[in-house]
Amino acid sequence: MLNESFDRAWRRVGVAIDSAGFSVEDRDRSAGEFFIRYLDSDTGEKIEQQNIIGRIFGSRNSAEATPFRIKLSAQGAGTRVTVLDQQGQEQTTPTAKRIINVLSTNLRPGN
């Protein structure tokens, strides 16, 4: 929860998303949603290193960025920030929590 109006929170969260290096596919301000892709490097999944044969013949790493939505919704004098999956369902997974933590870090004064 941010203790800011929706307008101010929208701008600040947008800057935090850009600062975090998330890949932004789209933004829908009227719906309060940022459509992002996030590669969770903390899941414990192995990211395969390409060998010379793979680089020559074009095989790719197995890890792919997962699409998420970051949803802002006005609540009283503040704004709630949540992570949704592609279908719009709120996420409370460890990955969603990491996304919120990264945003929180980038929303702190001085960042």
PDB file of N, CA and C in Angstrom:
ATOM      1  N   MET A   1       0.846  -1.178   0.000  1.00  0.00           N
ATOM      2  CA  MET A   1       0.000   0.000   0.000  1.00  0.00           C
ATOM      3  C   MET A   1       0.891   1.241   0.000  1.00  0.00           C
ATOM      4  N   LEU A   2       0.635   2.122  -0.923  1.00  0.00           N
ATOM      5  CA  LEU A   2       1.357   3.396  -0.982  1.00  0.00           C
ATOM      6  C   LEU A   2       0.451   4.486  -0.423  1.00  0.00           C
ATOM      7  N   ASN A   3       0.992   5.341   0.395  1.00  0.00           N
ATOM      8  CA  ASN A   3       0.228   6.453   0.957  1.00  0.00           C
ATOM      9  C   ASN A   3       0.270   7.639   0.013  1.00  0.00           C
ATOM     10  N   GLU A   4      -0.158   7.398  -1.216  1.00  0.00           N
ATOM     11  CA  GLU A   4      -0.151   8.429  -2.257  1.00  0.00           C
ATOM     12  C   GLU A   4      -1.386   8.277  -3.127  1.00  0.00           C
ATOM     13  N   SER A   5      -1.763   9.364  -3.776  1.00  0.00           N
ATOM     14  CA  SER A   5      -2.885   9.309  -4.704  1.00  0.00           C
ATOM     15  C   SER A   5      -2.541   8.391  -5.871  1.00  0.00           C
ATOM     16  N   PHE A   6      -3.564   7.947  -6.582  1.00  0.00           N
ATOM     17  CA  PHE A   6      -3.346   7.068  -7.730  1.00  0.00           C
ATOM     18  C   PHE A   6      -2.416   7.716  -8.754  1.00  0.00           C
ATOM     19  N   ASP A   7      -2.652   8.994  -9.067  1.00  0.00           N
ATOM     20  CA  ASP A   7      -1.840   9.674 -10.086  1.00  0.00           C
ATOM     21  C   ASP A   7      -0.359   9.662  -9.732  1.00  0.00           C
ATOM     22  N   ARG A   8      -0.048  10.007  -8.503  1.00  0.00           N
ATOM     23  CA  ARG A   8       1.358  10.034  -8.071  1.00  0.00           C
ATOM     24  C   ARG A   8       1.933   8.615  -8.007  1.00  0.00           C
ATOM     25  N   ALA A   9       1.141   7.672  -7.496  1.00  0.00           N
ATOM     26  CA  ALA A   9       1.602   6.284  -7.403  1.00  0.00           C
ATOM     27  C   ALA A   9       1.854   5.703  -8.793  1.00  0.00           C
ATOM     28  N   TRP A  10       0.985   6.013  -9.760  1.00  0.00           N
ATOM     29  CA  TRP A  10       1.160   5.515 -11.130  1.00  0.00           C
ATOM     30  C   TRP A  10       2.514   5.957 -11.690  1.00  0.00           C
ATOM     31  N   ARG A  11       2.824   7.220 -11.500  1.00  0.00           N
ATOM     32  CA  ARG A  11       4.095   7.749 -12.003  1.00  0.00           C
ATOM     33  C   ARG A  11       5.272   7.098 -11.290  1.00  0.00           C
ATOM     34  N   ARG A  12       5.221   7.033  -9.968  1.00  0.00           N
ATOM     35  CA  ARG A  12       6.341   6.477  -9.190  1.00  0.00           C
ATOM     36  C   ARG A  12       6.543   4.990  -9.446  1.00  0.00           C
ATOM     37  N   VAL A  13       5.457   4.226  -9.543  1.00  0.00           N
ATOM     38  CA  VAL A  13       5.586   2.792  -9.819  1.00  0.00           C
ATOM     39  C   VAL A  13       6.142   2.585 -11.226  1.00  0.00           C
ATOM     40  N   GLY A  14       5.721   3.406 -12.183  1.00  0.00           N
ATOM     41  CA  GLY A  14       6.278   3.320 -13.534  1.00  0.00           C
ATOM     42  C   GLY A  14       7.780   3.534 -13.544  1.00  0.00           C
ATOM     43  N   VAL A  15       8.239   4.512 -12.786  1.00  0.00           N
ATOM     44  CA  VAL A  15       9.682   4.775 -12.684  1.00  0.00           C
ATOM     45  C   VAL A  15      10.377   3.601 -11.991  1.00  0.00           C
ATOM     46  N   ALA A  16       9.759   3.053 -10.941  1.00  0.00           N
ATOM     47  CA  ALA A  16      10.343   1.916 -10.218  1.00  0.00           C
ATOM     48  C   ALA A  16      10.446   0.685 -11.116  1.00  0.00           C
ATOM     49  N   ILE A  17       9.442   0.462 -11.952  1.00  0.00           N
ATOM     50  CA  ILE A  17       9.467  -0.665 -12.896  1.00  0.00           C
ATOM     51  C   ILE A  17      10.617  -0.491 -13.876  1.00  0.00           C
ATOM     52  N   ASP A  18      10.749   0.714 -14.409  1.00  0.00           N
ATOM     53  CA  ASP A  18      11.849   0.988 -15.348  1.00  0.00           C
ATOM     54  C   ASP A  18      13.203   0.829 -14.661  1.00  0.00           C
ATOM     55  N   SER A  19      13.326   1.336 -13.434  1.00  0.00           N
ATOM     56  CA  SER A  19      14.586   1.242 -12.689  1.00  0.00           C
ATOM     57  C   SER A  19      14.947  -0.205 -12.371  1.00  0.00           C
ATOM     58  N   ALA A  20      13.931  -1.032 -12.145  1.00  0.00           N
ATOM     59  CA  ALA A  20      14.162  -2.439 -11.819  1.00  0.00           C
ATOM     60  C   ALA A  20      14.582  -3.241 -13.043  1.00  0.00           C
ATOM     61  N   GLY A  21      14.376  -2.669 -14.228  1.00  0.00           N
ATOM     62  CA  GLY A  21      14.768  -3.362 -15.447  1.00  0.00           C
ATOM     63  C   GLY A  21      13.752  -4.374 -15.932  1.00  0.00           C
ATOM     64  N   PHE A  22      12.516  -4.299 -15.436  1.00  0.00           N
ATOM     65  CA  PHE A  22      11.479  -5.196 -15.932  1.00  0.00           C
ATOM     66  C   PHE A  22      11.187  -4.857 -17.387  1.00  0.00           C
ATOM     67  N   SER A  23      10.858  -5.860 -18.158  1.00  0.00           N
ATOM     68  CA  SER A  23      10.466  -5.650 -19.546  1.00  0.00           C
ATOM     69  C   SER A  23       8.983  -5.277 -19.556  1.00  0.00           C
ATOM     70  N   VAL A  24       8.668  -4.038 -19.942  1.00  0.00           N
ATOM     71  CA  VAL A  24       7.285  -3.564 -19.964  1.00  0.00           C
ATOM     72  C   VAL A  24       6.723  -3.768 -21.364  1.00  0.00           C
ATOM     73  N   GLU A  25       5.661  -4.575 -21.457  1.00  0.00           N
ATOM     74  CA  GLU A  25       5.037  -4.845 -22.745  1.00  0.00           C
ATOM     75  C   GLU A  25       3.934  -3.846 -23.057  1.00  0.00           C
ATOM     76  N   ASP A  26       3.241  -3.378 -22.013  1.00  0.00           N
ATOM     77  CA  ASP A  26       2.129  -2.455 -22.236  1.00  0.00           C
ATOM     78  C   ASP A  26       1.780  -1.791 -20.905  1.00  0.00           C
ATOM     79  N   ARG A  27       1.047  -0.695 -21.002  1.00  0.00           N
ATOM     80  CA  ARG A  27       0.537   0.028 -19.835  1.00  0.00           C
ATOM     81  C   ARG A  27      -0.901   0.410 -20.142  1.00  0.00           C
ATOM     82  N   ASP A  28      -1.775   0.241 -19.160  1.00  0.00           N
ATOM     83  CA  ASP A  28      -3.168   0.644 -19.306  1.00  0.00           C
ATOM     84  C   ASP A  28      -3.528   1.458 -18.068  1.00  0.00           C
ATOM     85  N   ARG A  29      -3.346   2.762 -18.180  1.00  0.00           N
ATOM     86  CA  ARG A  29      -3.550   3.635 -17.022  1.00  0.00           C
ATOM     87  C   ARG A  29      -4.991   3.609 -16.539  1.00  0.00           C
ATOM     88  N   SER A  30      -5.955   3.541 -17.469  1.00  0.00           N
ATOM     89  CA  SER A  30      -7.363   3.544 -17.061  1.00  0.00           C
ATOM     90  C   SER A  30      -7.710   2.297 -16.240  1.00  0.00           C
ATOM     91  N   ALA A  31      -7.045   1.180 -16.509  1.00  0.00           N
ATOM     92  CA  ALA A  31      -7.250  -0.043 -15.725  1.00  0.00           C
ATOM     93  C   ALA A  31      -6.258  -0.134 -14.567  1.00  0.00           C
ATOM     94  N   GLY A  32      -5.259   0.765 -14.552  1.00  0.00           N
ATOM     95  CA  GLY A  32      -4.250   0.762 -13.498  1.00  0.00           C
ATOM     96  C   GLY A  32      -3.282  -0.400 -13.597  1.00  0.00           C
ATOM     97  N   GLU A  33      -2.990  -0.849 -14.830  1.00  0.00           N
ATOM     98  CA  GLU A  33      -2.152  -2.036 -14.990  1.00  0.00           C
ATOM     99  C   GLU A  33      -0.925  -1.796 -15.859  1.00  0.00           C
ATOM    100  N   PHE A  34       0.193  -2.357 -15.390  1.00  0.00           N
ATOM    101  CA  PHE A  34       1.422  -2.451 -16.173  1.00  0.00           C
ATOM    102  C   PHE A  34       1.560  -3.922 -16.554  1.00  0.00           C
ATOM    103  N   PHE A  35       1.813  -4.201 -17.813  1.00  0.00           N
ATOM    104  CA  PHE A  35       2.021  -5.566 -18.283  1.00  0.00           C
ATOM    105  C   PHE A  35       3.524  -5.773 -18.430  1.00  0.00           C
ATOM    106  N   ILE A  36       4.079  -6.657 -17.602  1.00  0.00           N
ATOM    107  CA  ILE A  36       5.531  -6.839 -17.578  1.00  0.00           C
ATOM    108  C   ILE A  36       5.899  -8.295 -17.843  1.00  0.00           C
ATOM    109  N   ARG A  37       7.180  -8.507 -18.107  1.00  0.00           N
ATOM    110  CA  ARG A  37       7.765  -9.852 -18.140  1.00  0.00           C
ATOM    111  C   ARG A  37       8.871  -9.856 -17.100  1.00  0.00           C
ATOM    112  N   TYR A  38       8.913 -10.939 -16.324  1.00  0.00           N
ATOM    113  CA  TYR A  38       9.874 -11.037 -15.230  1.00  0.00           C
ATOM    114  C   TYR A  38      10.543 -12.397 -15.275  1.00  0.00           C
ATOM    115  N   LEU A  39      11.872 -12.397 -15.320  1.00  0.00           N
ATOM    116  CA  LEU A  39      12.649 -13.631 -15.261  1.00  0.00           C
ATOM    117  C   LEU A  39      13.104 -13.804 -13.823  1.00  0.00           C
ATOM    118  N   ASP A  40      12.506 -14.763 -13.137  1.00  0.00           N
ATOM    119  CA  ASP A  40      12.810 -14.988 -11.727  1.00  0.00           C
ATOM    120  C   ASP A  40      14.056 -15.847 -11.606  1.00  0.00           C
ATOM    121  N   SER A  41      15.154 -15.231 -11.250  1.00  0.00           N
ATOM    122  CA  SER A  41      16.422 -15.954 -11.126  1.00  0.00           C
ATOM    123  C   SER A  41      16.543 -16.658  -9.779  1.00  0.00           C
ATOM    124  N   ASP A  42      15.580 -16.477  -8.886  1.00  0.00           N
ATOM    125  CA  ASP A  42      15.640 -17.082  -7.556  1.00  0.00           C
ATOM    126  C   ASP A  42      14.753 -18.316  -7.406  1.00  0.00           C
ATOM    127  N   THR A  43      14.230 -18.855  -8.502  1.00  0.00           N
ATOM    128  CA  THR A  43      13.333 -20.003  -8.406  1.00  0.00           C
ATOM    129  C   THR A  43      14.071 -21.304  -8.191  1.00  0.00           C
ATOM    130  N   GLY A  44      15.365 -21.292  -8.412  1.00  0.00           N
ATOM    131  CA  GLY A  44      16.136 -22.513  -8.284  1.00  0.00           C
ATOM    132  C   GLY A  44      16.202 -23.303  -9.575  1.00  0.00           C
ATOM    133  N   GLU A  45      15.516 -22.829 -10.610  1.00  0.00           N
ATOM    134  CA  GLU A  45      15.577 -23.508 -11.896  1.00  0.00           C
ATOM    135  C   GLU A  45      16.926 -23.248 -12.535  1.00  0.00           C
ATOM    136  N   LYS A  46      17.444 -24.270 -13.156  1.00  0.00           N
ATOM    137  CA  LYS A  46      18.751 -24.147 -13.792  1.00  0.00           C
ATOM    138  C   LYS A  46      18.598 -23.437 -15.133  1.00  0.00           C
ATOM    139  N   ILE A  47      19.401 -22.416 -15.331  1.00  0.00           N
ATOM    140  CA  ILE A  47      19.464 -21.750 -16.625  1.00  0.00           C
ATOM    141  C   ILE A  47      20.638 -22.365 -17.358  1.00  0.00           C
ATOM    142  N   GLU A  48      20.332 -23.046 -18.436  1.00  0.00           N
ATOM    143  CA  GLU A  48      21.379 -23.764 -19.159  1.00  0.00           C
ATOM    144  C   GLU A  48      22.302 -22.802 -19.886  1.00  0.00           C
ATOM    145  N   GLN A  49      23.590 -23.018 -19.709  1.00  0.00           N
ATOM    146  CA  GLN A  49      24.586 -22.227 -20.427  1.00  0.00           C
ATOM    147  C   GLN A  49      24.733 -22.808 -21.826  1.00  0.00           C
ATOM    148  N   GLN A  50      24.796 -21.959 -22.802  1.00  0.00           N
ATOM    149  CA  GLN A  50      24.968 -22.431 -24.166  1.00  0.00           C
ATOM    150  C   GLN A  50      26.408 -22.860 -24.390  1.00  0.00           C
ATOM    151  N   ASN A  51      26.557 -24.004 -25.043  1.00  0.00           N
ATOM    152  CA  ASN A  51      27.894 -24.412 -25.449  1.00  0.00           C
ATOM    153  C   ASN A  51      28.134 -23.921 -26.875  1.00  0.00           C
ATOM    154  N   ILE A  52      29.294 -24.182 -27.397  1.00  0.00           N
ATOM    155  CA  ILE A  52      29.641 -23.689 -28.732  1.00  0.00           C
ATOM    156  C   ILE A  52      28.693 -24.242 -29.795  1.00  0.00           C
ATOM    157  N   ILE A  53      28.305 -25.498 -29.685  1.00  0.00           N
ATOM    158  CA  ILE A  53      27.388 -26.106 -30.659  1.00  0.00           C
ATOM    159  C   ILE A  53      26.027 -25.400 -30.592  1.00  0.00           C
ATOM    160  N   GLY A  54      25.551 -25.146 -29.372  1.00  0.00           N
ATOM    161  CA  GLY A  54      24.271 -24.463 -29.212  1.00  0.00           C
ATOM    162  C   GLY A  54      24.282 -23.068 -29.796  1.00  0.00           C
ATOM    163  N   ARG A  55      25.397 -22.360 -29.618  1.00  0.00           N
ATOM    164  CA  ARG A  55      25.486 -21.008 -30.175  1.00  0.00           C
ATOM    165  C   ARG A  55      25.525 -21.048 -31.694  1.00  0.00           C
ATOM    166  N   ILE A  56      26.221 -22.023 -32.248  1.00  0.00           N
ATOM    167  CA  ILE A  56      26.322 -22.126 -33.710  1.00  0.00           C
ATOM    168  C   ILE A  56      24.974 -22.480 -34.320  1.00  0.00           C
ATOM    169  N   PHE A  57      24.278 -23.440 -33.708  1.00  0.00           N
ATOM    170  CA  PHE A  57      23.033 -23.919 -34.293  1.00  0.00           C
ATOM    171  C   PHE A  57      21.790 -23.266 -33.700  1.00  0.00           C
ATOM    172  N   GLY A  58      21.983 -22.274 -32.852  1.00  0.00           N
ATOM    173  CA  GLY A  58      20.875 -21.431 -32.414  1.00  0.00           C
ATOM    174  C   GLY A  58      19.999 -21.972 -31.310  1.00  0.00           C
ATOM    175  N   SER A  59      20.452 -22.946 -30.519  1.00  0.00           N
ATOM    176  CA  SER A  59      19.611 -23.358 -29.401  1.00  0.00           C
ATOM    177  C   SER A  59      19.608 -22.242 -28.360  1.00  0.00           C
ATOM    178  N   ARG A  60      18.541 -22.188 -27.584  1.00  0.00           N
ATOM    179  CA  ARG A  60      18.392 -21.091 -26.630  1.00  0.00           C
ATOM    180  C   ARG A  60      18.378 -21.617 -25.209  1.00  0.00           C
ATOM    181  N   ASN A  61      18.616 -20.708 -24.284  1.00  0.00           N
ATOM    182  CA  ASN A  61      18.493 -21.056 -22.868  1.00  0.00           C
ATOM    183  C   ASN A  61      17.048 -21.447 -22.585  1.00  0.00           C
ATOM    184  N   SER A  62      16.854 -22.331 -21.612  1.00  0.00           N
ATOM    185  CA  SER A  62      15.512 -22.830 -21.332  1.00  0.00           C
ATOM    186  C   SER A  62      14.679 -21.849 -20.500  1.00  0.00           C
ATOM    187  N   ALA A  63      15.294 -20.929 -19.802  1.00  0.00           N
ATOM    188  CA  ALA A  63      14.556 -19.996 -18.951  1.00  0.00           C
ATOM    189  C   ALA A  63      13.931 -18.882 -19.791  1.00  0.00           C
ATOM    190  N   GLU A  64      12.663 -18.605 -19.509  1.00  0.00           N
ATOM    191  CA  GLU A  64      11.962 -17.526 -20.203  1.00  0.00           C
ATOM    192  C   GLU A  64      11.304 -16.617 -19.178  1.00  0.00           C
ATOM    193  N   ALA A  65      11.199 -15.361 -19.519  1.00  0.00           N
ATOM    194  CA  ALA A  65      10.527 -14.403 -18.643  1.00  0.00           C
ATOM    195  C   ALA A  65       9.027 -14.694 -18.642  1.00  0.00           C
ATOM    196  N   THR A  66       8.436 -14.620 -17.470  1.00  0.00           N
ATOM    197  CA  THR A  66       7.014 -14.900 -17.294  1.00  0.00           C
ATOM    198  C   THR A  66       6.224 -13.596 -17.317  1.00  0.00           C
ATOM    199  N   PRO A  67       5.080 -13.579 -18.026  1.00  0.00           N
ATOM    200  CA  PRO A  67       4.266 -12.362 -18.028  1.00  0.00           C
ATOM    201  C   PRO A  67       3.481 -12.198 -16.724  1.00  0.00           C
ATOM    202  N   PHE A  68       3.456 -10.978 -16.236  1.00  0.00           N
ATOM    203  CA  PHE A  68       2.675 -10.601 -15.055  1.00  0.00           C
ATOM    204  C   PHE A  68       2.034  -9.248 -15.317  1.00  0.00           C
ATOM    205  N   ARG A  69       1.069  -8.905 -14.469  1.00  0.00           N
ATOM    206  CA  ARG A  69       0.498  -7.558 -14.458  1.00  0.00           C
ATOM    207  C   ARG A  69       0.767  -6.966 -13.081  1.00  0.00           C
ATOM    208  N   ILE A  70       1.126  -5.713 -13.062  1.00  0.00           N
ATOM    209  CA  ILE A  70       1.225  -4.986 -11.796  1.00  0.00           C
ATOM    210  C   ILE A  70       0.018  -4.063 -11.766  1.00  0.00           C
ATOM    211  N   LYS A  71      -0.844  -4.277 -10.783  1.00  0.00           N
ATOM    212  CA  LYS A  71      -2.128  -3.582 -10.696  1.00  0.00           C
ATOM    213  C   LYS A  71      -2.097  -2.542  -9.590  1.00  0.00           C
ATOM    214  N   LEU A  72      -2.486  -1.315  -9.936  1.00  0.00           N
ATOM    215  CA  LEU A  72      -2.634  -0.240  -8.963  1.00  0.00           C
ATOM    216  C   LEU A  72      -4.116   0.053  -8.811  1.00  0.00           C
ATOM    217  N   SER A  73      -4.582   0.132  -7.570  1.00  0.00           N
ATOM    218  CA  SER A  73      -5.984   0.463  -7.333  1.00  0.00           C
ATOM    219  C   SER A  73      -6.077   1.440  -6.166  1.00  0.00           C
ATOM    220  N   ALA A  74      -6.838   2.506  -6.388  1.00  0.00           N
ATOM    221  CA  ALA A  74      -7.019   3.532  -5.359  1.00  0.00           C
ATOM    222  C   ALA A  74      -7.824   2.946  -4.209  1.00  0.00           C
ATOM    223  N   GLN A  75      -7.348   3.193  -2.981  1.00  0.00           N
ATOM    224  CA  GLN A  75      -8.065   2.772  -1.781  1.00  0.00           C
ATOM    225  C   GLN A  75      -7.977   3.903  -0.775  1.00  0.00           C
ATOM    226  N   GLY A  76      -9.065   4.626  -0.629  1.00  0.00           N
ATOM    227  CA  GLY A  76      -9.068   5.784   0.259  1.00  0.00           C
ATOM    228  C   GLY A  76      -8.081   6.822  -0.240  1.00  0.00           C
ATOM    229  N   ALA A  77      -7.187   7.266   0.645  1.00  0.00           N
ATOM    230  CA  ALA A  77      -6.178   8.265   0.268  1.00  0.00           C
ATOM    231  C   ALA A  77      -4.916   7.616  -0.283  1.00  0.00           C
ATOM    232  N   GLY A  78      -4.883   6.274  -0.331  1.00  0.00           N
ATOM    233  CA  GLY A  78      -3.694   5.566  -0.794  1.00  0.00           C
ATOM    234  C   GLY A  78      -3.940   4.774  -2.065  1.00  0.00           C
ATOM    235  N   THR A  79      -2.928   4.013  -2.448  1.00  0.00           N
ATOM    236  CA  THR A  79      -3.003   3.186  -3.650  1.00  0.00           C
ATOM    237  C   THR A  79      -2.416   1.822  -3.336  1.00  0.00           C
ATOM    238  N   ARG A  80      -3.160   0.784  -3.653  1.00  0.00           N
ATOM    239  CA  ARG A  80      -2.720  -0.595  -3.429  1.00  0.00           C
ATOM    240  C   ARG A  80      -2.019  -1.104  -4.681  1.00  0.00           C
ATOM    241  N   VAL A  81      -0.886  -1.788  -4.493  1.00  0.00           N
ATOM    242  CA  VAL A  81      -0.123  -2.362  -5.597  1.00  0.00           C
ATOM    243  C   VAL A  81      -0.129  -3.877  -5.427  1.00  0.00           C
ATOM    244  N   THR A  82      -0.604  -4.594  -6.456  1.00  0.00           N
ATOM    245  CA  THR A  82      -0.644  -6.052  -6.411  1.00  0.00           C
ATOM    246  C   THR A  82      -0.068  -6.623  -7.694  1.00  0.00           C
ATOM    247  N   VAL A  83       0.300  -7.903  -7.628  1.00  0.00           N
ATOM    248  CA  VAL A  83       0.813  -8.617  -8.795  1.00  0.00           C
ATOM    249  C   VAL A  83      -0.257  -9.608  -9.232  1.00  0.00           C
ATOM    250  N   LEU A  84      -0.567  -9.579 -10.523  1.00  0.00           N
ATOM    251  CA  LEU A  84      -1.561 -10.484 -11.099  1.00  0.00           C
ATOM    252  C   LEU A  84      -0.901 -11.372 -12.140  1.00  0.00           C
ATOM    253  N   ASP A  85      -1.515 -12.543 -12.379  1.00  0.00           N
ATOM    254  CA  ASP A  85      -1.038 -13.378 -13.475  1.00  0.00           C
ATOM    255  C   ASP A  85      -1.661 -12.888 -14.780  1.00  0.00           C
ATOM    256  N   GLN A  86      -1.416 -13.597 -15.874  1.00  0.00           N
ATOM    257  CA  GLN A  86      -1.934 -13.182 -17.180  1.00  0.00           C
ATOM    258  C   GLN A  86      -3.453 -13.137 -17.212  1.00  0.00           C
ATOM    259  N   GLN A  87      -4.098 -13.996 -16.420  1.00  0.00           N
ATOM    260  CA  GLN A  87      -5.557 -14.055 -16.411  1.00  0.00           C
ATOM    261  C   GLN A  87      -6.184 -13.036 -15.458  1.00  0.00           C
ATOM    262  N   GLY A  88      -5.351 -12.259 -14.762  1.00  0.00           N
ATOM    263  CA  GLY A  88      -5.862 -11.238 -13.859  1.00  0.00           C
ATOM    264  C   GLY A  88      -6.108 -11.718 -12.442  1.00  0.00           C
ATOM    265  N   GLN A  89      -5.601 -12.910 -12.095  1.00  0.00           N
ATOM    266  CA  GLN A  89      -5.757 -13.442 -10.745  1.00  0.00           C
ATOM    267  C   GLN A  89      -4.615 -12.935  -9.861  1.00  0.00           C
ATOM    268  N   GLU A  90      -4.965 -12.450  -8.670  1.00  0.00           N
ATOM    269  CA  GLU A  90      -3.936 -11.951  -7.757  1.00  0.00           C
ATOM    270  C   GLU A  90      -2.986 -13.077  -7.366  1.00  0.00           C
ATOM    271  N   GLN A  91      -1.702 -12.762  -7.342  1.00  0.00           N
ATOM    272  CA  GLN A  91      -0.660 -13.741  -7.038  1.00  0.00           C
ATOM    273  C   GLN A  91      -0.036 -13.454  -5.676  1.00  0.00           C
ATOM    274  N   THR A  92       0.151 -14.517  -4.893  1.00  0.00           N
ATOM    275  CA  THR A  92       0.840 -14.413  -3.608  1.00  0.00           C
ATOM    276  C   THR A  92       2.020 -15.381  -3.568  1.00  0.00           C
ATOM    277  N   THR A  93       2.481 -15.782  -4.738  1.00  0.00           N
ATOM    278  CA  THR A  93       3.590 -16.724  -4.861  1.00  0.00           C
ATOM    279  C   THR A  93       4.899 -16.063  -4.432  1.00  0.00           C
ATOM    280  N   PRO A  94       5.932 -16.868  -4.182  1.00  0.00           N
ATOM    281  CA  PRO A  94       7.242 -16.282  -3.875  1.00  0.00           C
ATOM    282  C   PRO A  94       7.734 -15.338  -4.977  1.00  0.00           C
ATOM    283  N   THR A  95       7.449 -15.661  -6.230  1.00  0.00           N
ATOM    284  CA  THR A  95       7.863 -14.787  -7.334  1.00  0.00           C
ATOM    285  C   THR A  95       7.149 -13.444  -7.247  1.00  0.00           C
ATOM    286  N   ALA A  96       5.842 -13.453  -6.989  1.00  0.00           N
ATOM    287  CA  ALA A  96       5.081 -12.205  -6.858  1.00  0.00           C
ATOM    288  C   ALA A  96       5.620 -11.373  -5.698  1.00  0.00           C
ATOM    289  N   LYS A  97       5.983 -12.035  -4.616  1.00  0.00           N
ATOM    290  CA  LYS A  97       6.538 -11.318  -3.464  1.00  0.00           C
ATOM    291  C   LYS A  97       7.887 -10.692  -3.807  1.00  0.00           C
ATOM    292  N   ARG A  98       8.686 -11.400  -4.616  1.00  0.00           N
ATOM    293  CA  ARG A  98       9.971 -10.827  -5.040  1.00  0.00           C
ATOM    294  C   ARG A  98       9.746  -9.597  -5.920  1.00  0.00           C
ATOM    295  N   ILE A  99       8.747  -9.647  -6.799  1.00  0.00           N
ATOM    296  CA  ILE A  99       8.438  -8.485  -7.646  1.00  0.00           C
ATOM    297  C   ILE A  99       8.074  -7.289  -6.766  1.00  0.00           C
ATOM    298  N   ILE A 100       7.199  -7.505  -5.781  1.00  0.00           N
ATOM    299  CA  ILE A 100       6.799  -6.426  -4.867  1.00  0.00           C
ATOM    300  C   ILE A 100       8.008  -5.906  -4.091  1.00  0.00           C
ATOM    301  N   ASN A 101       8.882  -6.806  -3.643  1.00  0.00           N
ATOM    302  CA  ASN A 101      10.080  -6.372  -2.907  1.00  0.00           C
ATOM    303  C   ASN A 101      10.999  -5.522  -3.772  1.00  0.00           C
ATOM    304  N   VAL A 102      11.179  -5.915  -5.033  1.00  0.00           N
ATOM    305  CA  VAL A 102      12.017  -5.128  -5.950  1.00  0.00           C
ATOM    306  C   VAL A 102      11.400  -3.748  -6.152  1.00  0.00           C
ATOM    307  N   LEU A 103      10.086  -3.700  -6.356  1.00  0.00           N
ATOM    308  CA  LEU A 103       9.415  -2.407  -6.528  1.00  0.00           C
ATOM    309  C   LEU A 103       9.549  -1.561  -5.260  1.00  0.00           C
ATOM    310  N   SER A 104       9.352  -2.176  -4.100  1.00  0.00           N
ATOM    311  CA  SER A 104       9.462  -1.443  -2.831  1.00  0.00           C
ATOM    312  C   SER A 104      10.839  -0.822  -2.670  1.00  0.00           C
ATOM    313  N   THR A 105      11.865  -1.592  -3.020  1.00  0.00           N
ATOM    314  CA  THR A 105      13.238  -1.084  -2.940  1.00  0.00           C
ATOM    315  C   THR A 105      13.413   0.124  -3.847  1.00  0.00           C
ATOM    316  N   ASN A 106      12.867   0.050  -5.060  1.00  0.00           N
ATOM    317  CA  ASN A 106      13.013   1.145  -6.016  1.00  0.00           C
ATOM    318  C   ASN A 106      12.096   2.327  -5.719  1.00  0.00           C
ATOM    319  N   LEU A 107      11.109   2.142  -4.852  1.00  0.00           N
ATOM    320  CA  LEU A 107      10.216   3.239  -4.472  1.00  0.00           C
ATOM    321  C   LEU A 107      10.729   4.012  -3.255  1.00  0.00           C
ATOM    322  N   ARG A 108      11.733   3.484  -2.585  1.00  0.00           N
ATOM    323  CA  ARG A 108      12.276   4.171  -1.408  1.00  0.00           C
ATOM    324  C   ARG A 108      12.934   5.482  -1.811  1.00  0.00           C
ATOM    325  N   PRO A 109      12.847   6.484  -0.939  1.00  0.00           N
ATOM    326  CA  PRO A 109      13.522   7.760  -1.228  1.00  0.00           C
ATOM    327  C   PRO A 109      15.017   7.542  -1.441  1.00  0.00           C
ATOM    328  N   GLY A 110      15.552   8.226  -2.410  1.00  0.00           N
ATOM    329  CA  GLY A 110      16.976   8.121  -2.710  1.00  0.00           C
ATOM    330  C   GLY A 110      17.302   7.092  -3.770  1.00  0.00           C
ATOM    331  N   ASN A 111      16.301   6.346  -4.221  1.00  0.00           N
ATOM    332  CA  ASN A 111      16.531   5.355  -5.285  1.00  0.00           C
ATOM    333  C   ASN A 111      16.053   5.877  -6.609  1.00  0.00           C
TER     334      ASN A 111
END
